PDB file of N, CA and C in Angstrom:
ATOM      1  N   MET A   1      63.080 179.476  31.498  1.00  0.00           N
ATOM      2  CA  MET A   1      63.119 179.766  32.914  1.00  0.00           C
ATOM      3  C   MET A   1      61.830 179.240  33.561  1.00  0.00           C
ATOM      4  N   SER A   2      61.980 178.317  34.498  1.00  0.00           N
ATOM      5  CA  SER A   2      60.776 177.762  35.087  1.00  0.00           C
ATOM      6  C   SER A   2      60.239 178.646  36.209  1.00  0.00           C
ATOM      7  N   ILE A   3      58.994 178.458  36.487  1.00  0.00           N
ATOM      8  CA  ILE A   3      58.300 179.289  37.478  1.00  0.00           C
ATOM      9  C   ILE A   3      58.738 178.884  38.885  1.00  0.00           C
ATOM     10  N   LYS A   4      59.018 179.900  39.701  1.00  0.00           N
ATOM     11  CA  LYS A   4      59.494 179.693  41.053  1.00  0.00           C
ATOM     12  C   LYS A   4      58.308 179.323  41.959  1.00  0.00           C
ATOM     13  N   HIS A   5      58.527 178.372  42.864  1.00  0.00           N
ATOM     14  CA  HIS A   5      57.519 178.029  43.859  1.00  0.00           C
ATOM     15  C   HIS A   5      57.827 178.818  45.131  1.00  0.00           C
ATOM     16  N   VAL A   6      56.821 179.538  45.591  1.00  0.00           N
ATOM     17  CA  VAL A   6      56.970 180.440  46.733  1.00  0.00           C
ATOM     18  C   VAL A   6      56.314 179.829  47.949  1.00  0.00           C
ATOM     19  N   THR A   7      56.933 180.036  49.111  1.00  0.00           N
ATOM     20  CA  THR A   7      56.393 179.567  50.380  1.00  0.00           C
ATOM     21  C   THR A   7      56.056 180.761  51.277  1.00  0.00           C
ATOM     22  N   THR A   8      55.454 180.471  52.398  1.00  0.00           N
ATOM     23  CA  THR A   8      55.173 181.536  53.363  1.00  0.00           C
ATOM     24  C   THR A   8      56.478 182.263  53.711  1.00  0.00           C
ATOM     25  N   ALA A   9      57.556 181.470  53.912  1.00  0.00           N
ATOM     26  CA  ALA A   9      58.851 182.047  54.319  1.00  0.00           C
ATOM     27  C   ALA A   9      59.450 182.945  53.244  1.00  0.00           C
ATOM     28  N   SER A  10      59.215 182.655  51.983  1.00  0.00           N
ATOM     29  CA  SER A  10      59.844 183.462  50.913  1.00  0.00           C
ATOM     30  C   SER A  10      58.888 184.477  50.254  1.00  0.00           C
ATOM     31  N   PHE A  11      57.614 184.476  50.660  1.00  0.00           N
ATOM     32  CA  PHE A  11      56.616 185.299  50.004  1.00  0.00           C
ATOM     33  C   PHE A  11      56.948 186.792  50.040  1.00  0.00           C
ATOM     34  N   GLU A  12      57.384 187.266  51.181  1.00  0.00           N
ATOM     35  CA  GLU A  12      57.675 188.713  51.289  1.00  0.00           C
ATOM     36  C   GLU A  12      58.827 189.087  50.337  1.00  0.00           C
ATOM     37  N   ALA A  13      59.900 188.338  50.351  1.00  0.00           N
ATOM     38  CA  ALA A  13      61.053 188.668  49.498  1.00  0.00           C
ATOM     39  C   ALA A  13      60.724 188.487  48.041  1.00  0.00           C
ATOM     40  N   ASP A  14      60.010 187.400  47.676  1.00  0.00           N
ATOM     41  CA  ASP A  14      59.765 187.093  46.266  1.00  0.00           C
ATOM     42  C   ASP A  14      58.602 187.877  45.653  1.00  0.00           C
ATOM     43  N   VAL A  15      57.635 188.281  46.480  1.00  0.00           N
ATOM     44  CA  VAL A  15      56.422 188.927  45.935  1.00  0.00           C
ATOM     45  C   VAL A  15      56.293 190.353  46.429  1.00  0.00           C
ATOM     46  N   ILE A  16      56.200 190.545  47.725  1.00  0.00           N
ATOM     47  CA  ILE A  16      55.922 191.859  48.304  1.00  0.00           C
ATOM     48  C   ILE A  16      57.034 192.863  47.957  1.00  0.00           C
ATOM     49  N   LYS A  17      58.285 192.412  48.041  1.00  0.00           N
ATOM     50  CA  LYS A  17      59.419 193.341  47.804  1.00  0.00           C
ATOM     51  C   LYS A  17      59.943 193.318  46.395  1.00  0.00           C
ATOM     52  N   SER A  18      59.250 192.660  45.468  1.00  0.00           N
ATOM     53  CA  SER A  18      59.724 192.595  44.083  1.00  0.00           C
ATOM     54  C   SER A  18      59.669 193.954  43.447  1.00  0.00           C
ATOM     55  N   ASP A  19      60.621 194.234  42.585  1.00  0.00           N
ATOM     56  CA  ASP A  19      60.667 195.536  41.892  1.00  0.00           C
ATOM     57  C   ASP A  19      59.850 195.542  40.616  1.00  0.00           C
ATOM     58  N   LYS A  20      59.214 194.408  40.258  1.00  0.00           N
ATOM     59  CA  LYS A  20      58.321 194.382  39.100  1.00  0.00           C
ATOM     60  C   LYS A  20      57.020 193.667  39.495  1.00  0.00           C
ATOM     61  N   PRO A  21      55.954 193.840  38.720  1.00  0.00           N
ATOM     62  CA  PRO A  21      54.718 193.150  39.048  1.00  0.00           C
ATOM     63  C   PRO A  21      54.905 191.626  39.111  1.00  0.00           C
ATOM     64  N   VAL A  22      54.203 191.014  40.081  1.00  0.00           N
ATOM     65  CA  VAL A  22      54.298 189.578  40.263  1.00  0.00           C
ATOM     66  C   VAL A  22      52.911 188.940  40.174  1.00  0.00           C
ATOM     67  N   VAL A  23      52.790 187.919  39.359  1.00  0.00           N
ATOM     68  CA  VAL A  23      51.538 187.164  39.262  1.00  0.00           C
ATOM     69  C   VAL A  23      51.752 185.922  40.140  1.00  0.00           C
ATOM     70  N   VAL A  24      50.897 185.758  41.156  1.00  0.00           N
ATOM     71  CA  VAL A  24      50.987 184.634  42.047  1.00  0.00           C
ATOM     72  C   VAL A  24      49.866 183.658  41.697  1.00  0.00           C
ATOM     73  N   ASP A  25      50.250 182.468  41.239  1.00  0.00           N
ATOM     74  CA  ASP A  25      49.299 181.445  40.869  1.00  0.00           C
ATOM     75  C   ASP A  25      49.053 180.547  42.066  1.00  0.00           C
ATOM     76  N   PHE A  26      47.885 180.636  42.644  1.00  0.00           N
ATOM     77  CA  PHE A  26      47.477 179.764  43.771  1.00  0.00           C
ATOM     78  C   PHE A  26      46.881 178.493  43.118  1.00  0.00           C
ATOM     79  N   TRP A  27      47.491 177.336  43.378  1.00  0.00           N
ATOM     80  CA  TRP A  27      47.114 176.112  42.679  1.00  0.00           C
ATOM     81  C   TRP A  27      47.262 174.899  43.607  1.00  0.00           C
ATOM     82  N   ALA A  28      46.896 173.697  43.100  1.00  0.00           N
ATOM     83  CA  ALA A  28      47.107 172.445  43.823  1.00  0.00           C
ATOM     84  C   ALA A  28      47.317 171.338  42.813  1.00  0.00           C
ATOM     85  N   GLU A  29      48.073 170.285  43.198  1.00  0.00           N
ATOM     86  CA  GLU A  29      48.376 169.160  42.330  1.00  0.00           C
ATOM     87  C   GLU A  29      47.115 168.525  41.733  1.00  0.00           C
ATOM     88  N   TRP A  30      46.070 168.375  42.555  1.00  0.00           N
ATOM     89  CA  TRP A  30      44.885 167.626  42.186  1.00  0.00           C
ATOM     90  C   TRP A  30      43.905 168.448  41.329  1.00  0.00           C
ATOM     91  N   CYS A  31      44.218 169.713  41.091  1.00  0.00           N
ATOM     92  CA  CYS A  31      43.288 170.607  40.395  1.00  0.00           C
ATOM     93  C   CYS A  31      43.513 170.555  38.873  1.00  0.00           C
ATOM     94  N   GLY A  32      42.527 170.012  38.166  1.00  0.00           N
ATOM     95  CA  GLY A  32      42.598 169.896  36.702  1.00  0.00           C
ATOM     96  C   GLY A  32      42.797 171.217  35.986  1.00  0.00           C
ATOM     97  N   PRO A  33      41.938 172.223  36.292  1.00  0.00           N
ATOM     98  CA  PRO A  33      42.122 173.522  35.629  1.00  0.00           C
ATOM     99  C   PRO A  33      43.486 174.152  35.938  1.00  0.00           C
ATOM    100  N   CYS A  34      44.043 173.888  37.135  1.00  0.00           N
ATOM    101  CA  CYS A  34      45.381 174.402  37.468  1.00  0.00           C
ATOM    102  C   CYS A  34      46.415 173.793  36.513  1.00  0.00           C
ATOM    103  N   ARG A  35      46.279 172.497  36.256  1.00  0.00           N
ATOM    104  CA  ARG A  35      47.216 171.809  35.372  1.00  0.00           C
ATOM    105  C   ARG A  35      47.047 172.322  33.914  1.00  0.00           C
ATOM    106  N   GLN A  36      45.816 172.672  33.566  1.00  0.00           N
ATOM    107  CA  GLN A  36      45.550 173.214  32.226  1.00  0.00           C
ATOM    108  C   GLN A  36      46.249 174.575  32.017  1.00  0.00           C
ATOM    109  N   VAL A  37      46.231 175.425  33.014  1.00  0.00           N
ATOM    110  CA  VAL A  37      46.756 176.787  32.858  1.00  0.00           C
ATOM    111  C   VAL A  37      48.272 176.826  33.070  1.00  0.00           C
ATOM    112  N   ALA A  38      48.831 175.819  33.695  1.00  0.00           N
ATOM    113  CA  ALA A  38      50.279 175.810  34.036  1.00  0.00           C
ATOM    114  C   ALA A  38      51.174 176.033  32.822  1.00  0.00           C
ATOM    115  N   PRO A  39      50.983 175.304  31.692  1.00  0.00           N
ATOM    116  CA  PRO A  39      51.884 175.541  30.554  1.00  0.00           C
ATOM    117  C   PRO A  39      51.721 176.940  29.951  1.00  0.00           C
ATOM    118  N   ILE A  40      50.538 177.513  30.028  1.00  0.00           N
ATOM    119  CA  ILE A  40      50.314 178.882  29.561  1.00  0.00           C
ATOM    120  C   ILE A  40      51.088 179.854  30.421  1.00  0.00           C
ATOM    121  N   LEU A  41      51.049 179.658  31.723  1.00  0.00           N
ATOM    122  CA  LEU A  41      51.801 180.542  32.631  1.00  0.00           C
ATOM    123  C   LEU A  41      53.287 180.408  32.394  1.00  0.00           C
ATOM    124  N   GLU A  42      53.753 179.180  32.109  1.00  0.00           N
ATOM    125  CA  GLU A  42      55.171 178.974  31.799  1.00  0.00           C
ATOM    126  C   GLU A  42      55.559 179.809  30.568  1.00  0.00           C
ATOM    127  N   GLN A  43      54.706 179.771  29.546  1.00  0.00           N
ATOM    128  CA  GLN A  43      54.978 180.536  28.322  1.00  0.00           C
ATOM    129  C   GLN A  43      55.013 182.039  28.609  1.00  0.00           C
ATOM    130  N   LEU A  44      54.025 182.508  29.351  1.00  0.00           N
ATOM    131  CA  LEU A  44      53.988 183.927  29.699  1.00  0.00           C
ATOM    132  C   LEU A  44      55.171 184.332  30.500  1.00  0.00           C
ATOM    133  N   ASN A  45      55.624 183.485  31.403  1.00  0.00           N
ATOM    134  CA  ASN A  45      56.786 183.738  32.232  1.00  0.00           C
ATOM    135  C   ASN A  45      58.039 183.891  31.359  1.00  0.00           C
ATOM    136  N   THR A  46      58.201 182.998  30.405  1.00  0.00           N
ATOM    137  CA  THR A  46      59.362 183.014  29.518  1.00  0.00           C
ATOM    138  C   THR A  46      59.329 184.239  28.601  1.00  0.00           C
ATOM    139  N   GLU A  47      58.166 184.501  28.011  1.00  0.00           N
ATOM    140  CA  GLU A  47      58.032 185.570  27.040  1.00  0.00           C
ATOM    141  C   GLU A  47      58.075 186.980  27.649  1.00  0.00           C
ATOM    142  N   ASN A  48      57.763 187.097  28.963  1.00  0.00           N
ATOM    143  CA  ASN A  48      57.643 188.422  29.572  1.00  0.00           C
ATOM    144  C   ASN A  48      58.502 188.573  30.822  1.00  0.00           C
ATOM    145  N   ALA A  49      59.567 187.800  30.901  1.00  0.00           N
ATOM    146  CA  ALA A  49      60.432 187.776  32.114  1.00  0.00           C
ATOM    147  C   ALA A  49      60.984 189.158  32.465  1.00  0.00           C
ATOM    148  N   ASP A  50      61.125 190.024  31.454  1.00  0.00           N
ATOM    149  CA  ASP A  50      61.681 191.347  31.725  1.00  0.00           C
ATOM    150  C   ASP A  50      60.636 192.306  32.308  1.00  0.00           C
ATOM    151  N   LYS A  51      59.329 191.970  32.181  1.00  0.00           N
ATOM    152  CA  LYS A  51      58.290 192.881  32.610  1.00  0.00           C
ATOM    153  C   LYS A  51      57.561 192.413  33.859  1.00  0.00           C
ATOM    154  N   ILE A  52      57.308 191.098  33.970  1.00  0.00           N
ATOM    155  CA  ILE A  52      56.581 190.572  35.121  1.00  0.00           C
ATOM    156  C   ILE A  52      57.282 189.294  35.606  1.00  0.00           C
ATOM    157  N   GLU A  53      56.939 188.908  36.802  1.00  0.00           N
ATOM    158  CA  GLU A  53      57.405 187.605  37.323  1.00  0.00           C
ATOM    159  C   GLU A  53      56.181 186.812  37.664  1.00  0.00           C
ATOM    160  N   ILE A  54      56.244 185.516  37.364  1.00  0.00           N
ATOM    161  CA  ILE A  54      55.156 184.609  37.698  1.00  0.00           C
ATOM    162  C   ILE A  54      55.674 183.581  38.699  1.00  0.00           C
ATOM    163  N   VAL A  55      54.973 183.421  39.813  1.00  0.00           N
ATOM    164  CA  VAL A  55      55.335 182.453  40.834  1.00  0.00           C
ATOM    165  C   VAL A  55      54.136 181.609  41.179  1.00  0.00           C
ATOM    166  N   LYS A  56      54.366 180.463  41.830  1.00  0.00           N
ATOM    167  CA  LYS A  56      53.277 179.562  42.205  1.00  0.00           C
ATOM    168  C   LYS A  56      53.274 179.372  43.724  1.00  0.00           C
ATOM    169  N   VAL A  57      52.069 179.263  44.269  1.00  0.00           N
ATOM    170  CA  VAL A  57      51.868 178.900  45.675  1.00  0.00           C
ATOM    171  C   VAL A  57      50.925 177.692  45.703  1.00  0.00           C
ATOM    172  N   ASN A  58      51.408 176.564  46.233  1.00  0.00           N
ATOM    173  CA  ASN A  58      50.619 175.375  46.374  1.00  0.00           C
ATOM    174  C   ASN A  58      49.749 175.547  47.622  1.00  0.00           C
ATOM    175  N   VAL A  59      48.428 175.612  47.425  1.00  0.00           N
ATOM    176  CA  VAL A  59      47.500 175.904  48.532  1.00  0.00           C
ATOM    177  C   VAL A  59      47.471 174.785  49.569  1.00  0.00           C
ATOM    178  N   ASP A  60      47.787 173.560  49.149  1.00  0.00           N
ATOM    179  CA  ASP A  60      47.825 172.450  50.110  1.00  0.00           C
ATOM    180  C   ASP A  60      49.059 172.550  51.016  1.00  0.00           C
ATOM    181  N   GLU A  61      50.146 173.069  50.474  1.00  0.00           N
ATOM    182  CA  GLU A  61      51.380 173.192  51.264  1.00  0.00           C
ATOM    183  C   GLU A  61      51.462 174.525  52.027  1.00  0.00           C
ATOM    184  N   GLU A  62      50.711 175.519  51.546  1.00  0.00           N
ATOM    185  CA  GLU A  62      50.760 176.865  52.141  1.00  0.00           C
ATOM    186  C   GLU A  62      49.350 177.362  52.428  1.00  0.00           C
ATOM    187  N   PRO A  63      48.583 176.640  53.290  1.00  0.00           N
ATOM    188  CA  PRO A  63      47.184 177.054  53.527  1.00  0.00           C
ATOM    189  C   PRO A  63      47.051 178.441  54.179  1.00  0.00           C
ATOM    190  N   LYS A  64      48.045 178.836  54.977  1.00  0.00           N
ATOM    191  CA  LYS A  64      47.945 180.156  55.615  1.00  0.00           C
ATOM    192  C   LYS A  64      48.018 181.277  54.593  1.00  0.00           C
ATOM    193  N   LEU A  65      48.857 181.127  53.586  1.00  0.00           N
ATOM    194  CA  LEU A  65      48.942 182.146  52.515  1.00  0.00           C
ATOM    195  C   LEU A  65      47.612 182.226  51.770  1.00  0.00           C
ATOM    196  N   ALA A  66      47.063 181.067  51.433  1.00  0.00           N
ATOM    197  CA  ALA A  66      45.813 181.005  50.720  1.00  0.00           C
ATOM    198  C   ALA A  66      44.716 181.705  51.522  1.00  0.00           C
ATOM    199  N   MET A  67      44.680 181.409  52.833  1.00  0.00           N
ATOM    200  CA  MET A  67      43.664 182.011  53.684  1.00  0.00           C
ATOM    201  C   MET A  67      43.903 183.532  53.827  1.00  0.00           C
ATOM    202  N   GLN A  68      45.143 183.932  53.986  1.00  0.00           N
ATOM    203  CA  GLN A  68      45.484 185.348  54.128  1.00  0.00           C
ATOM    204  C   GLN A  68      44.995 186.166  52.955  1.00  0.00           C
ATOM    205  N   TYR A  69      45.064 185.607  51.749  1.00  0.00           N
ATOM    206  CA  TYR A  69      44.661 186.332  50.530  1.00  0.00           C
ATOM    207  C   TYR A  69      43.272 185.948  50.040  1.00  0.00           C
ATOM    208  N   GLY A  70      42.500 185.240  50.861  1.00  0.00           N
ATOM    209  CA  GLY A  70      41.096 184.991  50.569  1.00  0.00           C
ATOM    210  C   GLY A  70      40.854 184.083  49.374  1.00  0.00           C
ATOM    211  N   ILE A  71      41.781 183.140  49.148  1.00  0.00           N
ATOM    212  CA  ILE A  71      41.640 182.200  48.023  1.00  0.00           C
ATOM    213  C   ILE A  71      40.556 181.175  48.342  1.00  0.00           C
ATOM    214  N   VAL A  72      39.469 181.176  47.587  1.00  0.00           N
ATOM    215  CA  VAL A  72      38.360 180.243  47.828  1.00  0.00           C
ATOM    216  C   VAL A  72      38.219 179.246  46.693  1.00  0.00           C
ATOM    217  N   SER A  73      38.738 179.571  45.511  1.00  0.00           N
ATOM    218  CA  SER A  73      38.722 178.612  44.409  1.00  0.00           C
ATOM    219  C   SER A  73      40.029 178.720  43.668  1.00  0.00           C
ATOM    220  N   ILE A  74      40.402 177.604  43.070  1.00  0.00           N
ATOM    221  CA  ILE A  74      41.689 177.598  42.325  1.00  0.00           C
ATOM    222  C   ILE A  74      41.431 177.067  40.931  1.00  0.00           C
ATOM    223  N   PRO A  75      42.225 177.496  39.956  1.00  0.00           N
ATOM    224  CA  PRO A  75      43.308 178.429  40.108  1.00  0.00           C
ATOM    225  C   PRO A  75      42.831 179.867  40.320  1.00  0.00           C
ATOM    226  N   THR A  76      43.509 180.588  41.154  1.00  0.00           N
ATOM    227  CA  THR A  76      43.342 182.021  41.306  1.00  0.00           C
ATOM    228  C   THR A  76      44.713 182.646  41.182  1.00  0.00           C
ATOM    229  N   MET A  77      44.806 183.652  40.346  1.00  0.00           N
ATOM    230  CA  MET A  77      46.065 184.377  40.165  1.00  0.00           C
ATOM    231  C   MET A  77      45.889 185.800  40.696  1.00  0.00           C
ATOM    232  N   LEU A  78      46.711 186.174  41.650  1.00  0.00           N
ATOM    233  CA  LEU A  78      46.703 187.527  42.163  1.00  0.00           C
ATOM    234  C   LEU A  78      47.910 188.275  41.591  1.00  0.00           C
ATOM    235  N   VAL A  79      47.665 189.503  41.143  1.00  0.00           N
ATOM    236  CA  VAL A  79      48.738 190.333  40.627  1.00  0.00           C
ATOM    237  C   VAL A  79      49.153 191.292  41.755  1.00  0.00           C
ATOM    238  N   PHE A  80      50.425 191.279  42.078  1.00  0.00           N
ATOM    239  CA  PHE A  80      50.963 192.205  43.105  1.00  0.00           C
ATOM    240  C   PHE A  80      51.836 193.215  42.433  1.00  0.00           C
ATOM    241  N   LYS A  81      51.614 194.486  42.824  1.00  0.00           N
ATOM    242  CA  LYS A  81      52.444 195.581  42.294  1.00  0.00           C
ATOM    243  C   LYS A  81      52.753 196.489  43.460  1.00  0.00           C
ATOM    244  N   ASP A  82      54.014 196.815  43.642  1.00  0.00           N
ATOM    245  CA  ASP A  82      54.476 197.649  44.727  1.00  0.00           C
ATOM    246  C   ASP A  82      54.015 197.116  46.085  1.00  0.00           C
ATOM    247  N   GLY A  83      54.039 195.817  46.216  1.00  0.00           N
ATOM    248  CA  GLY A  83      53.736 195.188  47.512  1.00  0.00           C
ATOM    249  C   GLY A  83      52.279 194.946  47.824  1.00  0.00           C
ATOM    250  N   ALA A  84      51.360 195.342  46.944  1.00  0.00           N
ATOM    251  CA  ALA A  84      49.952 195.185  47.178  1.00  0.00           C
ATOM    252  C   ALA A  84      49.273 194.332  46.103  1.00  0.00           C
ATOM    253  N   SER A  85      48.263 193.621  46.483  1.00  0.00           N
ATOM    254  CA  SER A  85      47.453 192.849  45.527  1.00  0.00           C
ATOM    255  C   SER A  85      46.566 193.854  44.768  1.00  0.00           C
ATOM    256  N   VAL A  86      46.731 193.922  43.457  1.00  0.00           N
ATOM    257  CA  VAL A  86      46.005 194.899  42.665  1.00  0.00           C
ATOM    258  C   VAL A  86      44.984 194.306  41.682  1.00  0.00           C
ATOM    259  N   GLN A  87      45.067 192.990  41.491  1.00  0.00           N
ATOM    260  CA  GLN A  87      44.119 192.355  40.546  1.00  0.00           C
ATOM    261  C   GLN A  87      44.007 190.880  40.893  1.00  0.00           C
ATOM    262  N   SER A  88      42.824 190.353  40.667  1.00  0.00           N
ATOM    263  CA  SER A  88      42.558 188.919  40.870  1.00  0.00           C
ATOM    264  C   SER A  88      42.004 188.311  39.588  1.00  0.00           C
ATOM    265  N   ILE A  89      42.570 187.201  39.159  1.00  0.00           N
ATOM    266  CA  ILE A  89      42.125 186.468  37.967  1.00  0.00           C
ATOM    267  C   ILE A  89      41.742 185.076  38.432  1.00  0.00           C
ATOM    268  N   VAL A  90      40.479 184.752  38.315  1.00  0.00           N
ATOM    269  CA  VAL A  90      39.994 183.437  38.813  1.00  0.00           C
ATOM    270  C   VAL A  90      39.669 182.500  37.656  1.00  0.00           C
ATOM    271  N   GLY A  91      40.168 181.264  37.751  1.00  0.00           N
ATOM    272  CA  GLY A  91      39.858 180.265  36.761  1.00  0.00           C
ATOM    273  C   GLY A  91      40.899 180.124  35.688  1.00  0.00           C
ATOM    274  N   ALA A  92      40.908 178.985  35.051  1.00  0.00           N
ATOM    275  CA  ALA A  92      41.836 178.719  33.946  1.00  0.00           C
ATOM    276  C   ALA A  92      41.311 179.464  32.715  1.00  0.00           C
ATOM    277  N   LYS A  93      42.205 180.171  32.063  1.00  0.00           N
ATOM    278  CA  LYS A  93      41.822 180.945  30.870  1.00  0.00           C
ATOM    279  C   LYS A  93      42.805 180.654  29.750  1.00  0.00           C
ATOM    280  N   PRO A  94      42.406 180.813  28.510  1.00  0.00           N
ATOM    281  CA  PRO A  94      43.364 180.675  27.417  1.00  0.00           C
ATOM    282  C   PRO A  94      44.393 181.809  27.433  1.00  0.00           C
ATOM    283  N   LYS A  95      45.478 181.602  26.739  1.00  0.00           N
ATOM    284  CA  LYS A  95      46.585 182.563  26.725  1.00  0.00           C
ATOM    285  C   LYS A  95      46.147 183.960  26.336  1.00  0.00           C
ATOM    286  N   VAL A  96      45.326 184.083  25.326  1.00  0.00           N
ATOM    287  CA  VAL A  96      44.870 185.375  24.836  1.00  0.00           C
ATOM    288  C   VAL A  96      44.139 186.125  25.957  1.00  0.00           C
ATOM    289  N   ALA A  97      43.273 185.452  26.699  1.00  0.00           N
ATOM    290  CA  ALA A  97      42.533 186.089  27.784  1.00  0.00           C
ATOM    291  C   ALA A  97      43.455 186.503  28.913  1.00  0.00           C
ATOM    292  N   LEU A  98      44.456 185.659  29.254  1.00  0.00           N
ATOM    293  CA  LEU A  98      45.409 186.048  30.284  1.00  0.00           C
ATOM    294  C   LEU A  98      46.238 187.228  29.861  1.00  0.00           C
ATOM    295  N   LEU A  99      46.675 187.250  28.589  1.00  0.00           N
ATOM    296  CA  LEU A  99      47.427 188.392  28.086  1.00  0.00           C
ATOM    297  C   LEU A  99      46.617 189.656  28.182  1.00  0.00           C
ATOM    298  N   ASN A 100      45.339 189.572  27.872  1.00  0.00           N
ATOM    299  CA  ASN A 100      44.420 190.691  27.971  1.00  0.00           C
ATOM    300  C   ASN A 100      44.296 191.151  29.428  1.00  0.00           C
ATOM    301  N   ASP A 101      44.139 190.229  30.368  1.00  0.00           N
ATOM    302  CA  ASP A 101      44.029 190.549  31.782  1.00  0.00           C
ATOM    303  C   ASP A 101      45.296 191.217  32.307  1.00  0.00           C
ATOM    304  N   LEU A 102      46.433 190.809  31.762  1.00  0.00           N
ATOM    305  CA  LEU A 102      47.730 191.298  32.277  1.00  0.00           C
ATOM    306  C   LEU A 102      48.306 192.461  31.413  1.00  0.00           C
ATOM    307  N   ALA A 103      47.569 192.931  30.442  1.00  0.00           N
ATOM    308  CA  ALA A 103      48.068 193.919  29.474  1.00  0.00           C
ATOM    309  C   ALA A 103      48.630 195.180  30.171  1.00  0.00           C
ATOM    310  N   ALA A 104      47.991 195.594  31.243  1.00  0.00           N
ATOM    311  CA  ALA A 104      48.448 196.800  31.943  1.00  0.00           C
ATOM    312  C   ALA A 104      49.861 196.650  32.496  1.00  0.00           C
ATOM    313  N   TYR A 105      50.282 195.430  32.785  1.00  0.00           N
ATOM    314  CA  TYR A 105      51.589 195.184  33.385  1.00  0.00           C
ATOM    315  C   TYR A 105      52.643 194.782  32.349  1.00  0.00           C
ATOM    316  N   LEU A 106      52.198 194.518  31.133  1.00  0.00           N
ATOM    317  CA  LEU A 106      53.105 194.064  30.083  1.00  0.00           C
ATOM    318  C   LEU A 106      53.485 195.163  29.107  1.00  0.00           C
ATOM    319  N   GLY A 107      52.774 196.308  29.191  1.00  0.00           N
ATOM    320  CA  GLY A 107      52.989 197.372  28.257  1.00  0.00           C
ATOM    321  C   GLY A 107      54.213 198.133  28.531  1.00  0.00           C
TER     322      GLY A 107
END
């Protein structure tokens, strides 16, 4: 299952109103670290689809969303739970580190 790309128009339905935690990956095509972490997020999305959802927001295509959530460097992943941003993960990390950061939502 591939990761869904979210826009300003779909953000509320896909993220804010989700019934499970959502990891929002703020990224851009030209960002090397974003491309490095993308396959790891794909794996996490497939392996944990029943517990969390992972979506992507392209900051070049959705600058208002990036500004609204204070994204100043990418990749930045925000974890949303019950409609609120509850955690921020900045930078590309290996799978083990991301699993550790997301452990509270995967248990």
